[in-house]
Amino acid sequence: MSNDSSPNQGESAASKAAKRRAATRNPYLNFMREFRLKNKNMNVVEQTVKGAEMWRKMNESQKAPYVDLARQARRRRKKGKKRRRRGRRHSMESDY
């Protein structure tokens, strides 16, 4: 018996791989990344059309995991942005 009793235990490998990659601040794009991984047999146009259709039909609770990923990405971006902005400001001031 494995010790991995995480709440996401039933997720597919494609879903886990999508979450490991850097999430965007856009929930729809996070969904599309996972959808493309699961539907590699379709061409890009088919993936986009079918994925958009599925996204529109999803209710709020089905979209929630992708919205959560987007919120986490926003938080990470805000933290990183503060640090980066200071560095740029100092380097710009020294150029003048």
N, C-alpha and C. Protein backbone atom coordinates (compact mmCIF):
# COMPACT_ATOMS: atom_id res chain seq x y z
N MET A 1 0.84 -1.18 0.00
CA MET A 1 0.00 0.00 0.00
C MET A 1 0.88 1.23 0.00
N SER A 2 0.58 2.21 -0.87
CA SER A 2 1.43 3.39 -0.97
C SER A 2 1.03 4.42 0.07
N ASN A 3 1.98 5.28 0.40
CA ASN A 3 1.73 6.34 1.37
C ASN A 3 1.20 7.60 0.72
N ASP A 4 1.03 7.59 -0.59
CA ASP A 4 0.55 8.77 -1.31
C ASP A 4 -0.96 8.84 -1.22
N SER A 5 -1.45 9.56 -0.22
CA SER A 5 -2.89 9.68 -0.04
C SER A 5 -3.33 11.12 -0.26
N SER A 6 -2.80 11.75 -1.29
CA SER A 6 -3.15 13.12 -1.59
C SER A 6 -4.58 13.19 -2.11
N PRO A 7 -5.23 14.36 -1.98
CA PRO A 7 -6.62 14.47 -2.44
C PRO A 7 -6.73 14.35 -3.96
N ASN A 8 -5.66 14.53 -4.68
CA ASN A 8 -5.68 14.46 -6.14
C ASN A 8 -5.27 13.08 -6.64
N GLN A 9 -5.43 12.07 -5.83
CA GLN A 9 -4.97 10.73 -6.15
C GLN A 9 -5.62 10.18 -7.42
N GLY A 10 -6.85 10.55 -7.72
CA GLY A 10 -7.55 10.03 -8.87
C GLY A 10 -7.27 10.78 -10.16
N GLU A 11 -6.39 11.77 -10.13
CA GLU A 11 -6.11 12.57 -11.32
C GLU A 11 -5.33 11.77 -12.35
N SER A 12 -5.52 12.14 -13.59
CA SER A 12 -4.78 11.48 -14.66
C SER A 12 -3.35 12.01 -14.71
N ALA A 13 -2.50 11.29 -15.40
CA ALA A 13 -1.11 11.72 -15.54
C ALA A 13 -1.04 13.03 -16.31
N ALA A 14 -1.90 13.20 -17.30
CA ALA A 14 -1.91 14.44 -18.08
C ALA A 14 -2.29 15.63 -17.19
N SER A 15 -3.25 15.41 -16.31
CA SER A 15 -3.68 16.46 -15.40
C SER A 15 -2.55 16.86 -14.46
N LYS A 16 -1.86 15.89 -13.91
CA LYS A 16 -0.75 16.18 -13.01
C LYS A 16 0.37 16.90 -13.74
N ALA A 17 0.65 16.49 -14.96
CA ALA A 17 1.71 17.14 -15.74
C ALA A 17 1.34 18.58 -16.04
N ALA A 18 0.09 18.84 -16.33
CA ALA A 18 -0.35 20.20 -16.63
C ALA A 18 -0.19 21.10 -15.41
N LYS A 19 -0.46 20.57 -14.23
CA LYS A 19 -0.35 21.38 -13.02
C LYS A 19 1.10 21.62 -12.64
N ARG A 20 1.98 20.70 -13.00
CA ARG A 20 3.40 20.89 -12.70
C ARG A 20 3.99 22.02 -13.52
N ARG A 21 3.52 22.19 -14.72
CA ARG A 21 4.01 23.29 -15.56
C ARG A 21 3.54 24.60 -14.96
N ALA A 22 4.18 25.66 -15.37
CA ALA A 22 3.81 26.98 -14.86
C ALA A 22 2.39 27.31 -15.28
N ALA A 23 1.54 27.55 -14.32
CA ALA A 23 0.16 27.91 -14.60
C ALA A 23 0.10 29.37 -15.02
N THR A 24 -0.87 29.70 -15.85
CA THR A 24 -1.07 31.08 -16.25
C THR A 24 -2.06 31.74 -15.32
N ARG A 25 -2.25 33.04 -15.48
CA ARG A 25 -3.21 33.77 -14.67
C ARG A 25 -4.60 33.70 -15.28
N ASN A 26 -4.75 32.92 -16.34
CA ASN A 26 -6.02 32.79 -17.05
C ASN A 26 -6.55 31.37 -16.87
N PRO A 27 -7.69 31.20 -16.20
CA PRO A 27 -8.22 29.85 -15.96
C PRO A 27 -8.49 29.06 -17.25
N TYR A 28 -8.99 29.73 -18.27
CA TYR A 28 -9.29 29.06 -19.53
C TYR A 28 -8.02 28.47 -20.15
N LEU A 29 -6.94 29.21 -20.11
CA LEU A 29 -5.69 28.70 -20.68
C LEU A 29 -5.15 27.52 -19.88
N ASN A 30 -5.36 27.54 -18.57
CA ASN A 30 -4.96 26.39 -17.75
C ASN A 30 -5.78 25.15 -18.14
N PHE A 31 -7.07 25.35 -18.39
CA PHE A 31 -7.92 24.25 -18.84
C PHE A 31 -7.46 23.73 -20.21
N MET A 32 -7.19 24.65 -21.12
CA MET A 32 -6.80 24.25 -22.47
C MET A 32 -5.48 23.49 -22.47
N ARG A 33 -4.55 23.84 -21.60
CA ARG A 33 -3.29 23.11 -21.53
C ARG A 33 -3.56 21.64 -21.21
N GLU A 34 -4.42 21.42 -20.20
CA GLU A 34 -4.75 20.05 -19.81
C GLU A 34 -5.54 19.34 -20.91
N PHE A 35 -6.48 20.06 -21.54
CA PHE A 35 -7.31 19.48 -22.60
C PHE A 35 -6.43 19.03 -23.77
N ARG A 36 -5.45 19.84 -24.15
CA ARG A 36 -4.57 19.48 -25.26
C ARG A 36 -3.74 18.23 -24.94
N LEU A 37 -3.31 18.13 -23.69
CA LEU A 37 -2.53 16.95 -23.29
C LEU A 37 -3.37 15.68 -23.37
N LYS A 38 -4.63 15.78 -23.04
CA LYS A 38 -5.52 14.62 -23.07
C LYS A 38 -5.99 14.27 -24.48
N ASN A 39 -5.94 15.22 -25.40
CA ASN A 39 -6.47 15.02 -26.75
C ASN A 39 -5.42 15.27 -27.82
N LYS A 40 -4.31 14.61 -27.69
CA LYS A 40 -3.21 14.77 -28.64
C LYS A 40 -3.55 14.22 -30.03
N ASN A 41 -4.56 13.38 -30.10
CA ASN A 41 -4.93 12.79 -31.39
C ASN A 41 -5.65 13.78 -32.29
N MET A 42 -6.14 14.90 -31.75
CA MET A 42 -6.82 15.92 -32.53
C MET A 42 -5.80 16.93 -33.06
N ASN A 43 -6.15 17.59 -34.17
CA ASN A 43 -5.27 18.67 -34.62
C ASN A 43 -5.57 19.92 -33.80
N VAL A 44 -4.78 20.96 -33.95
CA VAL A 44 -4.86 22.14 -33.11
C VAL A 44 -6.22 22.83 -33.23
N VAL A 45 -6.76 22.92 -34.43
CA VAL A 45 -8.05 23.57 -34.62
C VAL A 45 -9.15 22.79 -33.91
N GLU A 46 -9.15 21.48 -34.06
CA GLU A 46 -10.15 20.65 -33.38
C GLU A 46 -10.04 20.79 -31.87
N GLN A 47 -8.80 20.80 -31.37
CA GLN A 47 -8.59 20.95 -29.93
C GLN A 47 -9.18 22.26 -29.43
N THR A 48 -8.93 23.33 -30.18
CA THR A 48 -9.42 24.65 -29.77
C THR A 48 -10.94 24.71 -29.79
N VAL A 49 -11.54 24.22 -30.85
CA VAL A 49 -13.00 24.26 -30.98
C VAL A 49 -13.65 23.40 -29.90
N LYS A 50 -13.21 22.17 -29.75
CA LYS A 50 -13.81 21.25 -28.76
C LYS A 50 -13.55 21.74 -27.33
N GLY A 51 -12.33 22.22 -27.09
CA GLY A 51 -11.99 22.71 -25.76
C GLY A 51 -12.83 23.91 -25.37
N ALA A 52 -13.01 24.85 -26.29
CA ALA A 52 -13.82 26.04 -26.02
C ALA A 52 -15.28 25.64 -25.77
N GLU A 53 -15.75 24.70 -26.55
CA GLU A 53 -17.12 24.21 -26.39
C GLU A 53 -17.31 23.58 -25.00
N MET A 54 -16.35 22.77 -24.60
CA MET A 54 -16.43 22.14 -23.28
C MET A 54 -16.38 23.18 -22.17
N TRP A 55 -15.49 24.17 -22.30
CA TRP A 55 -15.34 25.22 -21.29
C TRP A 55 -16.66 25.98 -21.10
N ARG A 56 -17.32 26.30 -22.20
CA ARG A 56 -18.59 27.02 -22.11
C ARG A 56 -19.66 26.20 -21.40
N LYS A 57 -19.63 24.89 -21.56
CA LYS A 57 -20.64 24.02 -20.96
C LYS A 57 -20.35 23.68 -19.50
N MET A 58 -19.13 23.95 -19.04
CA MET A 58 -18.77 23.62 -17.66
C MET A 58 -19.44 24.58 -16.69
N ASN A 59 -19.82 24.05 -15.51
CA ASN A 59 -20.37 24.92 -14.47
C ASN A 59 -19.22 25.44 -13.61
N GLU A 60 -19.55 26.32 -12.67
CA GLU A 60 -18.52 26.97 -11.85
C GLU A 60 -17.70 25.97 -11.03
N SER A 61 -18.34 24.93 -10.52
CA SER A 61 -17.60 23.96 -9.71
C SER A 61 -16.62 23.15 -10.57
N GLN A 62 -16.95 22.92 -11.83
CA GLN A 62 -16.03 22.22 -12.72
C GLN A 62 -14.85 23.11 -13.12
N LYS A 63 -15.08 24.41 -13.18
CA LYS A 63 -14.02 25.36 -13.54
C LYS A 63 -13.13 25.72 -12.34
N ALA A 64 -13.60 25.42 -11.15
CA ALA A 64 -12.92 25.84 -9.91
C ALA A 64 -11.44 25.44 -9.85
N PRO A 65 -11.03 24.23 -10.23
CA PRO A 65 -9.60 23.88 -10.13
C PRO A 65 -8.72 24.79 -11.01
N TYR A 66 -9.25 25.18 -12.15
CA TYR A 66 -8.49 26.03 -13.06
C TYR A 66 -8.45 27.47 -12.56
N VAL A 67 -9.52 27.90 -11.92
CA VAL A 67 -9.56 29.23 -11.32
C VAL A 67 -8.57 29.29 -10.15
N ASP A 68 -8.51 28.21 -9.36
CA ASP A 68 -7.55 28.16 -8.25
C ASP A 68 -6.12 28.23 -8.75
N LEU A 69 -5.82 27.51 -9.83
CA LEU A 69 -4.48 27.57 -10.41
C LEU A 69 -4.14 29.00 -10.84
N ALA A 70 -5.11 29.68 -11.43
CA ALA A 70 -4.89 31.05 -11.88
C ALA A 70 -4.64 31.98 -10.69
N ARG A 71 -5.38 31.78 -9.61
CA ARG A 71 -5.17 32.60 -8.41
C ARG A 71 -3.77 32.38 -7.84
N GLN A 72 -3.33 31.13 -7.82
CA GLN A 72 -1.99 30.84 -7.32
C GLN A 72 -0.94 31.48 -8.20
N ALA A 73 -1.16 31.46 -9.51
CA ALA A 73 -0.20 32.06 -10.43
C ALA A 73 -0.15 33.57 -10.23
N ARG A 74 -1.28 34.18 -9.96
CA ARG A 74 -1.32 35.63 -9.70
C ARG A 74 -0.52 35.96 -8.45
N ARG A 75 -0.69 35.15 -7.41
CA ARG A 75 0.05 35.39 -6.15
C ARG A 75 1.55 35.26 -6.38
N ARG A 76 1.94 34.21 -7.10
CA ARG A 76 3.37 34.02 -7.38
C ARG A 76 3.91 35.19 -8.20
N ARG A 77 3.13 35.65 -9.14
CA ARG A 77 3.57 36.74 -10.00
C ARG A 77 3.72 38.02 -9.20
N LYS A 78 2.78 38.29 -8.29
CA LYS A 78 2.87 39.50 -7.48
C LYS A 78 4.12 39.48 -6.61
N LYS A 79 4.41 38.34 -6.02
CA LYS A 79 5.60 38.23 -5.18
C LYS A 79 6.86 38.45 -6.01
N GLY A 80 6.94 37.82 -7.15
CA GLY A 80 8.11 37.96 -8.01
C GLY A 80 8.22 39.34 -8.62
N LYS A 81 7.11 39.97 -8.92
CA LYS A 81 7.10 41.28 -9.55
C LYS A 81 7.72 42.32 -8.62
N LYS A 82 7.40 42.26 -7.34
CA LYS A 82 7.95 43.23 -6.39
C LYS A 82 9.47 43.15 -6.36
N ARG A 83 9.98 41.95 -6.33
CA ARG A 83 11.43 41.78 -6.29
C ARG A 83 12.07 42.27 -7.57
N ARG A 84 11.51 41.92 -8.70
CA ARG A 84 12.10 42.31 -9.98
C ARG A 84 12.03 43.81 -10.20
N ARG A 85 10.94 44.42 -9.79
CA ARG A 85 10.77 45.85 -10.02
C ARG A 85 11.86 46.64 -9.30
N ARG A 86 12.19 46.26 -8.10
CA ARG A 86 13.24 46.96 -7.36
C ARG A 86 14.56 46.90 -8.11
N GLY A 87 14.87 45.73 -8.62
CA GLY A 87 16.13 45.58 -9.35
C GLY A 87 16.18 46.44 -10.59
N ARG A 88 15.10 46.52 -11.32
CA ARG A 88 15.07 47.34 -12.53
C ARG A 88 15.17 48.81 -12.19
N ARG A 89 14.48 49.22 -11.15
CA ARG A 89 14.48 50.63 -10.78
C ARG A 89 15.89 51.09 -10.45
N HIS A 90 16.61 50.30 -9.70
CA HIS A 90 17.97 50.68 -9.32
C HIS A 90 18.89 50.73 -10.54
N SER A 91 18.72 49.78 -11.42
CA SER A 91 19.59 49.78 -12.59
C SER A 91 19.26 50.94 -13.52
N MET A 92 17.98 51.33 -13.60
CA MET A 92 17.60 52.46 -14.44
C MET A 92 18.11 53.76 -13.85
N GLU A 93 18.05 53.91 -12.54
CA GLU A 93 18.50 55.13 -11.90
C GLU A 93 20.00 55.32 -12.09
N SER A 94 20.74 54.25 -12.11
CA SER A 94 22.18 54.39 -12.26
C SER A 94 22.57 54.77 -13.69
N ASP A 95 21.66 54.57 -14.65
CA ASP A 95 21.95 54.94 -16.03
C ASP A 95 21.85 56.43 -16.25
N TYR A 96 21.15 57.13 -15.36
CA TYR A 96 20.93 58.57 -15.56
C TYR A 96 21.98 59.35 -14.90
